[in-house]
N, C-alpha and C. Protein backbone atom coordinates (compact mmCIF):
# COMPACT_ATOMS: atom_id res chain seq x y z
N MET A 1 -278.54 -40.71 -11.71
CA MET A 1 -278.08 -41.54 -10.51
C MET A 1 -279.25 -41.47 -9.37
N GLU A 2 -279.29 -42.71 -8.88
CA GLU A 2 -280.24 -42.78 -7.70
C GLU A 2 -279.67 -42.41 -6.38
N TYR A 3 -280.22 -41.28 -5.77
CA TYR A 3 -279.54 -40.75 -4.64
C TYR A 3 -279.73 -41.64 -3.42
N VAL A 4 -281.01 -42.23 -3.40
CA VAL A 4 -281.19 -43.00 -2.16
C VAL A 4 -280.27 -44.09 -2.07
N LYS A 5 -279.93 -44.78 -3.17
CA LYS A 5 -278.98 -45.92 -3.10
C LYS A 5 -277.66 -45.46 -2.66
N TYR A 6 -277.15 -44.32 -3.05
CA TYR A 6 -275.97 -43.82 -2.54
C TYR A 6 -275.95 -43.43 -1.09
N LEU A 7 -277.09 -42.75 -0.73
CA LEU A 7 -277.30 -42.23 0.71
C LEU A 7 -277.38 -43.55 1.74
N ARG A 8 -277.96 -44.72 1.15
CA ARG A 8 -278.02 -45.64 1.96
C ARG A 8 -276.69 -46.34 2.15
N ALA A 9 -275.61 -46.10 1.41
CA ALA A 9 -274.25 -46.47 1.74
C ALA A 9 -273.53 -46.01 3.00
N PHE A 10 -274.04 -44.87 3.45
CA PHE A 10 -273.69 -44.14 4.68
C PHE A 10 -273.97 -44.98 5.82
N PRO A 11 -273.14 -45.44 6.56
CA PRO A 11 -273.47 -46.30 7.76
C PRO A 11 -274.44 -45.68 8.61
N LEU A 12 -274.35 -44.37 8.96
CA LEU A 12 -275.20 -43.60 10.00
C LEU A 12 -276.47 -43.43 9.41
N LEU A 13 -276.67 -43.52 8.08
CA LEU A 13 -278.00 -43.21 7.54
C LEU A 13 -278.71 -44.51 7.48
N SER A 14 -278.19 -45.62 7.91
CA SER A 14 -278.84 -46.83 7.90
C SER A 14 -280.19 -46.96 8.74
N LYS A 15 -280.30 -45.98 9.78
CA LYS A 15 -281.49 -46.11 10.61
C LYS A 15 -282.62 -45.34 9.97
N ILE A 16 -282.26 -44.47 8.90
CA ILE A 16 -283.43 -43.74 8.36
C ILE A 16 -284.17 -44.68 7.44
N GLY A 17 -285.50 -44.50 7.68
CA GLY A 17 -286.44 -45.41 6.85
C GLY A 17 -286.44 -44.81 5.32
N ASP A 18 -286.79 -45.84 4.51
CA ASP A 18 -286.91 -45.48 3.10
C ASP A 18 -287.63 -44.22 2.69
N GLU A 19 -288.83 -44.07 3.30
CA GLU A 19 -289.80 -42.81 2.87
C GLU A 19 -288.93 -41.59 3.39
N ASP A 20 -288.28 -41.53 4.50
CA ASP A 20 -287.51 -40.33 4.93
C ASP A 20 -286.31 -40.21 4.09
N LEU A 21 -285.79 -41.23 3.61
CA LEU A 21 -284.42 -41.17 2.97
C LEU A 21 -284.74 -40.80 1.45
N LYS A 22 -285.89 -41.05 0.94
CA LYS A 22 -286.45 -40.42 -0.26
C LYS A 22 -286.89 -39.04 -0.18
N ALA A 23 -287.20 -38.69 0.86
CA ALA A 23 -287.67 -37.19 1.28
C ALA A 23 -286.40 -36.34 1.18
N LEU A 24 -285.38 -37.06 1.80
CA LEU A 24 -284.17 -36.15 2.00
C LEU A 24 -283.50 -36.06 0.65
N ALA A 25 -283.45 -37.20 -0.02
CA ALA A 25 -282.83 -37.23 -1.39
C ALA A 25 -283.59 -36.34 -2.38
N GLY A 26 -284.98 -35.97 -2.20
CA GLY A 26 -285.68 -35.05 -2.98
C GLY A 26 -285.24 -33.74 -2.60
N LEU A 27 -284.54 -33.33 -1.65
CA LEU A 27 -284.09 -32.03 -1.31
C LEU A 27 -282.69 -31.74 -1.75
N LEU A 28 -282.05 -32.66 -2.29
CA LEU A 28 -280.63 -32.45 -2.65
C LEU A 28 -280.50 -31.98 -4.11
N LYS A 29 -279.43 -31.20 -4.30
CA LYS A 29 -279.26 -30.68 -5.64
C LYS A 29 -277.87 -31.19 -6.09
N GLU A 30 -277.97 -31.50 -7.41
CA GLU A 30 -276.64 -32.13 -7.94
C GLU A 30 -275.87 -31.03 -8.55
N HIS A 31 -274.41 -31.16 -8.43
CA HIS A 31 -273.43 -30.31 -8.92
C HIS A 31 -272.25 -30.96 -9.58
N LYS A 32 -271.83 -30.57 -10.70
CA LYS A 32 -270.70 -31.18 -11.38
C LYS A 32 -269.70 -30.14 -11.43
N ILE A 33 -268.46 -30.53 -10.82
CA ILE A 33 -267.40 -29.56 -10.58
C ILE A 33 -266.13 -30.07 -11.40
N ALA A 34 -265.69 -29.24 -12.23
CA ALA A 34 -264.38 -29.62 -12.98
C ALA A 34 -263.09 -29.53 -11.93
N ALA A 35 -262.20 -30.55 -12.40
CA ALA A 35 -260.83 -30.48 -11.69
C ALA A 35 -260.30 -29.06 -11.48
N GLY A 36 -259.92 -28.65 -10.42
CA GLY A 36 -259.28 -27.27 -10.26
C GLY A 36 -260.19 -26.31 -9.66
N GLU A 37 -261.58 -26.59 -9.86
CA GLU A 37 -262.52 -25.42 -9.44
C GLU A 37 -262.88 -25.51 -7.91
N ASN A 38 -263.12 -24.39 -7.21
CA ASN A 38 -263.46 -24.48 -6.06
C ASN A 38 -265.11 -24.67 -5.83
N VAL A 39 -265.38 -25.53 -4.82
CA VAL A 39 -266.56 -25.88 -4.55
C VAL A 39 -267.09 -24.80 -3.51
N ILE A 40 -266.19 -24.66 -2.49
CA ILE A 40 -266.27 -23.64 -1.46
C ILE A 40 -265.05 -22.98 -1.24
N THR A 41 -265.18 -21.54 -0.94
CA THR A 41 -264.13 -20.81 -0.94
C THR A 41 -263.94 -20.30 0.55
N GLU A 42 -262.78 -20.42 1.20
CA GLU A 42 -262.56 -19.91 2.57
C GLU A 42 -263.07 -18.33 2.66
N GLY A 43 -263.76 -18.13 3.80
CA GLY A 43 -264.17 -16.78 4.06
C GLY A 43 -265.38 -16.35 3.40
N ASP A 44 -265.94 -16.97 2.41
CA ASP A 44 -267.29 -16.75 2.00
C ASP A 44 -268.35 -17.23 2.95
N VAL A 45 -269.48 -16.50 3.02
CA VAL A 45 -270.65 -16.93 3.67
C VAL A 45 -271.17 -18.10 2.91
N GLY A 46 -271.61 -19.07 3.65
CA GLY A 46 -272.29 -20.27 2.97
C GLY A 46 -273.41 -20.75 3.85
N ALA A 47 -274.26 -21.61 3.27
CA ALA A 47 -275.43 -22.25 3.90
C ALA A 47 -275.72 -23.52 3.32
N GLU A 48 -274.71 -24.30 2.70
CA GLU A 48 -274.99 -25.54 2.10
C GLU A 48 -273.95 -26.53 2.64
N MET A 49 -274.40 -27.72 2.73
CA MET A 49 -273.54 -28.88 3.12
C MET A 49 -273.49 -29.71 1.70
N TYR A 50 -272.21 -30.23 1.45
CA TYR A 50 -272.07 -31.07 0.30
C TYR A 50 -271.89 -32.53 0.60
N ILE A 51 -272.24 -33.49 -0.23
CA ILE A 51 -272.11 -34.95 -0.09
C ILE A 51 -271.24 -35.16 -1.28
N LEU A 52 -269.91 -35.75 -1.19
CA LEU A 52 -269.05 -36.02 -2.40
C LEU A 52 -269.66 -37.47 -2.92
N ILE A 53 -269.89 -37.39 -4.21
CA ILE A 53 -270.48 -38.65 -4.72
C ILE A 53 -269.61 -39.18 -5.85
N GLU A 54 -268.65 -38.45 -6.21
CA GLU A 54 -267.73 -38.86 -7.44
C GLU A 54 -266.48 -38.09 -7.24
N GLY A 55 -265.44 -38.62 -7.35
CA GLY A 55 -264.14 -37.91 -7.49
C GLY A 55 -263.41 -37.64 -6.03
N SER A 56 -262.65 -36.51 -6.02
CA SER A 56 -261.92 -36.30 -4.91
C SER A 56 -261.65 -34.84 -4.80
N VAL A 57 -261.66 -34.38 -3.51
CA VAL A 57 -261.45 -32.75 -3.29
C VAL A 57 -260.43 -32.57 -2.28
N ASP A 58 -259.59 -31.49 -2.40
CA ASP A 58 -258.65 -31.18 -1.32
C ASP A 58 -259.25 -30.03 -0.41
N ILE A 59 -259.03 -30.17 0.67
CA ILE A 59 -259.53 -29.23 1.90
C ILE A 59 -258.23 -28.33 2.01
N ILE A 60 -258.35 -27.04 1.82
CA ILE A 60 -257.23 -26.09 1.75
C ILE A 60 -257.46 -24.96 2.83
N LYS A 61 -256.50 -24.75 3.66
CA LYS A 61 -256.56 -23.65 4.60
C LYS A 61 -255.56 -22.55 4.37
N THR A 62 -255.83 -21.31 4.70
CA THR A 62 -254.95 -20.31 4.48
C THR A 62 -254.30 -19.88 5.90
N THR A 63 -252.97 -19.83 5.92
CA THR A 63 -252.20 -19.32 7.17
C THR A 63 -252.29 -17.85 7.49
N VAL A 64 -251.96 -17.38 8.61
CA VAL A 64 -252.04 -16.06 8.89
C VAL A 64 -251.09 -15.13 8.00
N PHE A 65 -250.19 -15.73 7.29
CA PHE A 65 -249.29 -15.15 6.34
C PHE A 65 -249.87 -15.18 4.87
N GLY A 66 -250.96 -15.83 4.64
CA GLY A 66 -251.51 -15.97 3.41
C GLY A 66 -251.03 -17.22 2.58
N ASP A 67 -250.36 -17.97 3.16
CA ASP A 67 -249.92 -19.30 2.50
C ASP A 67 -251.11 -20.25 2.49
N LYS A 68 -251.18 -21.04 1.48
CA LYS A 68 -252.29 -22.04 1.35
C LYS A 68 -251.78 -23.47 1.51
N PHE A 69 -252.32 -24.31 2.25
CA PHE A 69 -251.87 -25.70 2.30
C PHE A 69 -253.07 -26.66 2.42
N VAL A 70 -252.89 -27.77 1.81
CA VAL A 70 -253.90 -28.81 1.84
C VAL A 70 -253.78 -29.53 3.27
N VAL A 71 -254.85 -29.50 4.03
CA VAL A 71 -254.95 -30.18 5.29
C VAL A 71 -255.50 -31.67 4.98
N ALA A 72 -256.23 -31.83 4.07
CA ALA A 72 -256.86 -33.28 3.80
C ALA A 72 -257.40 -33.38 2.39
N THR A 73 -257.52 -34.62 1.96
CA THR A 73 -257.99 -34.96 0.65
C THR A 73 -259.16 -36.01 0.92
N LEU A 74 -260.41 -35.71 0.46
CA LEU A 74 -261.37 -36.41 0.72
C LEU A 74 -261.90 -37.13 -0.76
N ASN A 75 -262.25 -38.45 -0.65
CA ASN A 75 -262.45 -39.30 -1.73
C ASN A 75 -264.03 -39.65 -1.53
N ALA A 76 -264.65 -39.79 -2.69
CA ALA A 76 -266.16 -40.07 -2.64
C ALA A 76 -266.30 -41.55 -2.01
N ASP A 77 -265.29 -42.34 -2.21
CA ASP A 77 -265.39 -43.73 -1.60
C ASP A 77 -265.62 -43.70 -0.09
N ASP A 78 -265.14 -42.64 0.50
CA ASP A 78 -265.13 -42.58 1.85
C ASP A 78 -266.58 -42.05 2.47
N HIS A 79 -267.40 -41.84 1.59
CA HIS A 79 -268.78 -41.40 1.94
C HIS A 79 -268.74 -40.23 2.93
N CYS A 80 -268.04 -39.01 2.49
CA CYS A 80 -267.85 -37.86 3.16
C CYS A 80 -268.78 -36.93 2.88
N VAL A 81 -268.87 -35.83 3.88
CA VAL A 81 -269.60 -34.51 3.58
C VAL A 81 -268.51 -33.46 4.01
N PHE A 82 -268.93 -32.34 3.53
CA PHE A 82 -268.04 -31.03 3.81
C PHE A 82 -269.14 -29.74 3.82
N GLY A 83 -268.65 -28.75 4.55
CA GLY A 83 -269.49 -27.44 4.54
C GLY A 83 -270.60 -27.62 5.52
N GLU A 84 -270.58 -28.62 6.36
CA GLU A 84 -271.67 -28.78 7.24
C GLU A 84 -271.66 -27.66 8.45
N MET A 85 -270.44 -26.95 8.72
CA MET A 85 -270.46 -26.08 9.66
C MET A 85 -271.40 -24.71 9.26
N ALA A 86 -271.13 -24.41 8.02
CA ALA A 86 -271.75 -23.18 7.41
C ALA A 86 -273.22 -23.56 7.24
N MET A 87 -273.57 -24.79 6.68
CA MET A 87 -274.81 -25.13 6.56
C MET A 87 -275.66 -25.00 8.01
N ILE A 88 -275.00 -25.31 9.22
CA ILE A 88 -275.70 -25.16 10.46
C ILE A 88 -275.83 -23.71 10.93
N ASP A 89 -274.75 -22.96 10.77
CA ASP A 89 -274.91 -21.63 11.39
C ASP A 89 -274.86 -20.41 10.36
N ASN A 90 -274.80 -20.79 9.15
CA ASN A 90 -274.90 -19.75 8.14
C ASN A 90 -273.78 -18.70 8.13
N ASP A 91 -272.68 -19.19 8.61
CA ASP A 91 -271.35 -18.38 8.80
C ASP A 91 -270.36 -18.57 7.66
N LYS A 92 -269.20 -17.97 7.77
CA LYS A 92 -268.16 -18.03 6.86
C LYS A 92 -267.58 -19.27 6.88
N ARG A 93 -267.13 -19.66 5.66
CA ARG A 93 -266.49 -20.93 5.46
C ARG A 93 -265.10 -21.01 5.94
N SER A 94 -264.70 -21.96 6.71
CA SER A 94 -263.46 -22.16 7.34
C SER A 94 -262.35 -22.77 6.65
N ALA A 95 -262.64 -23.10 5.22
CA ALA A 95 -261.57 -23.72 4.40
C ALA A 95 -262.09 -23.48 3.00
N THR A 96 -261.21 -23.75 2.13
CA THR A 96 -261.44 -23.74 0.62
C THR A 96 -261.56 -25.17 0.22
N VAL A 97 -262.63 -25.74 -0.45
CA VAL A 97 -262.57 -27.12 -0.86
C VAL A 97 -262.53 -27.08 -2.45
N ARG A 98 -261.35 -27.52 -2.88
CA ARG A 98 -261.13 -27.54 -4.40
C ARG A 98 -261.24 -29.13 -4.87
N ALA A 99 -261.87 -29.13 -6.15
CA ALA A 99 -262.00 -30.28 -6.92
C ALA A 99 -260.56 -30.82 -7.18
N LYS A 100 -260.14 -31.83 -6.76
CA LYS A 100 -258.83 -32.51 -7.26
C LYS A 100 -258.95 -33.17 -8.57
N THR A 101 -260.17 -33.73 -8.75
CA THR A 101 -260.52 -34.51 -10.06
C THR A 101 -261.90 -33.95 -10.48
N ASN A 102 -262.38 -34.38 -11.60
CA ASN A 102 -263.82 -33.94 -11.85
C ASN A 102 -264.71 -34.52 -10.77
N CYS A 103 -265.55 -33.89 -10.27
CA CYS A 103 -266.33 -34.27 -9.06
C CYS A 103 -267.88 -34.12 -9.37
N LYS A 104 -268.66 -34.87 -8.57
CA LYS A 104 -269.95 -34.59 -8.55
C LYS A 104 -270.33 -34.68 -7.09
N THR A 105 -271.09 -33.56 -6.69
CA THR A 105 -271.78 -33.51 -5.26
C THR A 105 -273.24 -33.47 -5.13
N LEU A 106 -273.60 -33.60 -4.04
CA LEU A 106 -275.10 -33.41 -3.81
C LEU A 106 -275.06 -32.41 -2.56
N SER A 107 -275.95 -31.23 -2.73
CA SER A 107 -275.98 -30.30 -1.52
C SER A 107 -277.27 -30.19 -1.03
N ILE A 108 -277.27 -29.75 0.22
CA ILE A 108 -278.59 -29.43 0.80
C ILE A 108 -278.40 -28.06 1.65
N ASP A 109 -279.33 -27.11 1.41
CA ASP A 109 -279.09 -25.82 2.02
C ASP A 109 -279.80 -25.83 3.49
N HIS A 110 -279.42 -24.65 4.24
CA HIS A 110 -279.92 -24.54 5.41
C HIS A 110 -281.42 -24.80 5.73
N ALA A 111 -282.22 -24.02 4.90
CA ALA A 111 -283.49 -24.05 4.94
C ALA A 111 -284.12 -25.36 4.78
N SER A 112 -283.77 -26.21 3.63
CA SER A 112 -284.15 -27.38 3.44
C SER A 112 -283.82 -28.34 4.49
N PHE A 113 -282.59 -28.23 5.26
CA PHE A 113 -282.28 -29.10 6.19
C PHE A 113 -283.12 -28.94 7.43
N GLU A 114 -283.32 -27.70 7.67
CA GLU A 114 -284.24 -27.34 8.81
C GLU A 114 -285.76 -27.87 8.62
N ARG A 115 -286.11 -27.83 7.48
CA ARG A 115 -287.50 -28.14 7.21
C ARG A 115 -287.60 -29.80 7.26
N PHE A 116 -286.55 -30.42 6.81
CA PHE A 116 -286.35 -31.82 6.87
C PHE A 116 -286.42 -32.22 8.44
N CYS A 117 -285.60 -31.56 9.27
CA CYS A 117 -285.43 -32.06 10.64
C CYS A 117 -286.82 -31.79 11.32
N ASP A 118 -287.58 -30.70 10.96
CA ASP A 118 -288.74 -30.28 11.50
C ASP A 118 -289.97 -31.45 11.14
N GLU A 119 -289.92 -31.80 9.92
CA GLU A 119 -290.87 -32.50 9.44
C GLU A 119 -290.83 -34.11 9.73
N ARG A 120 -289.43 -34.33 9.97
CA ARG A 120 -289.16 -35.83 10.23
C ARG A 120 -288.09 -35.88 11.37
N PRO A 121 -288.52 -35.49 12.56
CA PRO A 121 -287.63 -35.42 13.68
C PRO A 121 -286.65 -36.54 13.92
N GLN A 122 -287.31 -37.85 13.82
CA GLN A 122 -286.46 -39.14 14.23
C GLN A 122 -285.12 -39.02 13.15
N SER A 123 -285.53 -38.78 11.84
CA SER A 123 -284.59 -38.99 10.79
C SER A 123 -283.64 -37.82 10.98
N GLY A 124 -284.25 -36.64 11.33
CA GLY A 124 -283.40 -35.56 11.51
C GLY A 124 -282.12 -35.67 12.51
N VAL A 125 -282.66 -36.36 13.58
CA VAL A 125 -281.68 -36.71 14.63
C VAL A 125 -280.51 -37.73 14.11
N GLU A 126 -280.84 -38.54 13.20
CA GLU A 126 -279.88 -39.40 12.58
C GLU A 126 -278.87 -38.77 11.66
N LEU A 127 -279.46 -37.72 11.01
CA LEU A 127 -278.74 -36.79 10.13
C LEU A 127 -277.84 -35.91 10.80
N LEU A 128 -278.28 -35.36 11.97
CA LEU A 128 -277.53 -34.59 12.71
C LEU A 128 -276.31 -35.39 13.55
N ARG A 129 -276.60 -36.57 13.75
CA ARG A 129 -275.66 -37.50 14.36
C ARG A 129 -274.43 -37.66 13.24
N LEU A 130 -274.76 -37.78 12.03
CA LEU A 130 -273.75 -37.92 11.01
C LEU A 130 -272.90 -36.69 10.97
N ILE A 131 -273.56 -35.59 10.89
CA ILE A 131 -272.87 -34.30 10.96
C ILE A 131 -272.03 -34.11 12.19
N SER A 132 -272.54 -34.56 13.31
CA SER A 132 -271.74 -34.25 14.58
C SER A 132 -270.63 -35.27 14.65
N ILE A 133 -270.63 -36.43 14.14
CA ILE A 133 -269.48 -37.38 14.03
C ILE A 133 -268.45 -36.67 13.25
N ASN A 134 -268.76 -36.09 12.03
CA ASN A 134 -267.87 -35.40 11.16
C ASN A 134 -267.31 -34.22 11.73
N LEU A 135 -268.04 -33.38 12.49
CA LEU A 135 -267.52 -32.19 13.18
C LEU A 135 -266.42 -32.63 14.24
N VAL A 136 -266.85 -33.62 15.18
CA VAL A 136 -265.98 -34.06 16.22
C VAL A 136 -264.78 -34.66 15.67
N ARG A 137 -264.72 -35.34 14.62
CA ARG A 137 -263.56 -35.92 13.95
C ARG A 137 -262.64 -34.78 13.53
N ASN A 138 -263.22 -33.56 12.92
CA ASN A 138 -262.41 -32.47 12.51
C ASN A 138 -261.83 -31.73 13.55
N ILE A 139 -262.57 -31.70 14.71
CA ILE A 139 -262.17 -30.96 15.82
C ILE A 139 -260.91 -31.76 16.44
N ARG A 140 -261.12 -32.98 16.47
CA ARG A 140 -260.00 -33.83 17.12
C ARG A 140 -258.70 -33.69 16.24
N THR A 141 -258.86 -33.76 15.00
CA THR A 141 -257.73 -33.50 13.96
C THR A 141 -257.14 -32.19 14.23
N GLU A 142 -257.94 -31.06 14.29
CA GLU A 142 -257.40 -29.71 14.40
C GLU A 142 -256.53 -29.75 15.81
N ASN A 143 -257.18 -30.36 16.79
CA ASN A 143 -256.51 -30.25 18.14
C ASN A 143 -255.33 -31.03 18.04
N ASN A 144 -255.14 -32.11 17.45
CA ASN A 144 -253.98 -32.85 17.33
C ASN A 144 -252.81 -32.02 16.49
N ASN A 145 -253.41 -31.22 15.45
CA ASN A 145 -252.63 -30.25 14.81
C ASN A 145 -251.88 -29.20 15.56
N LEU A 146 -252.75 -28.71 16.49
CA LEU A 146 -252.47 -27.66 17.27
C LEU A 146 -251.32 -28.17 18.34
N ARG A 147 -251.61 -29.29 18.86
CA ARG A 147 -250.64 -29.92 19.82
C ARG A 147 -249.20 -30.01 19.12
N MET A 148 -249.21 -30.51 17.95
CA MET A 148 -247.89 -30.64 17.33
C MET A 148 -247.29 -29.31 17.13
N VAL A 149 -247.93 -28.28 16.66
CA VAL A 149 -247.39 -26.97 16.36
C VAL A 149 -246.88 -26.48 17.81
N TYR A 150 -247.64 -26.52 18.75
CA TYR A 150 -247.34 -26.00 20.15
C TYR A 150 -245.94 -26.85 20.50
N GLN A 151 -245.95 -28.05 20.33
CA GLN A 151 -244.83 -28.82 20.76
C GLN A 151 -243.50 -28.39 19.90
N ALA A 152 -243.63 -28.12 18.66
CA ALA A 152 -242.54 -27.63 17.81
C ALA A 152 -242.10 -26.30 18.29
N LEU A 153 -242.94 -25.38 18.53
CA LEU A 153 -242.73 -24.10 19.02
C LEU A 153 -241.91 -24.12 20.39
N ILE A 154 -242.38 -25.09 21.32
CA ILE A 154 -241.66 -25.29 22.52
C ILE A 154 -240.31 -25.79 22.26
N GLU A 155 -240.15 -26.64 21.43
CA GLU A 155 -238.69 -27.16 21.09
C GLU A 155 -237.88 -26.08 20.47
N GLU A 156 -238.48 -25.33 19.55
CA GLU A 156 -237.61 -24.23 19.01
C GLU A 156 -237.23 -23.25 19.99
N ILE A 157 -238.12 -22.76 21.04
CA ILE A 157 -237.63 -22.07 22.11
C ILE A 157 -236.52 -22.32 22.86
N GLU A 158 -236.82 -23.76 23.35
CA GLU A 158 -235.75 -24.37 24.22
C GLU A 158 -234.54 -24.45 23.65
N MET A 159 -234.38 -24.64 22.27
CA MET A 159 -233.14 -24.86 21.63
C MET A 159 -232.56 -23.47 21.24
N GLY A 160 -233.26 -22.54 21.11
CA GLY A 160 -232.87 -21.10 20.65
C GLY A 160 -232.15 -20.31 21.67
């Protein structure tokens, strides 16, 4: 598969020049994941970000009671990334990502990402913009979820 062609489909990567995109593509590692396998496991320490290029994955969170629930499903057609938080801060994974179908991903680790940003700062900014937009979208979703839970709790208390 030609990674440059796939990466070019990301709207926010459209500002990255061909040479820089080729350099980025050269840092990516391909992974094939069977349906039902975890790509990322919540609580594990990680340092890679993944780009979903084939298939779909479920994002799964664990409640304080140990119950697991799907918070989102990502599809390759959506040009999505996941694992970006741990790739940036080398910390524990905040969710499990499980292959819903057979999948193919591309990954970049923290050290390679840092090197790319240092060597190609203008393109590094564009890549960081993509990651930032993804993080902001996730934070907004989580804030909305918290608002709904808080409202349900208030209603329960008022009725009880």
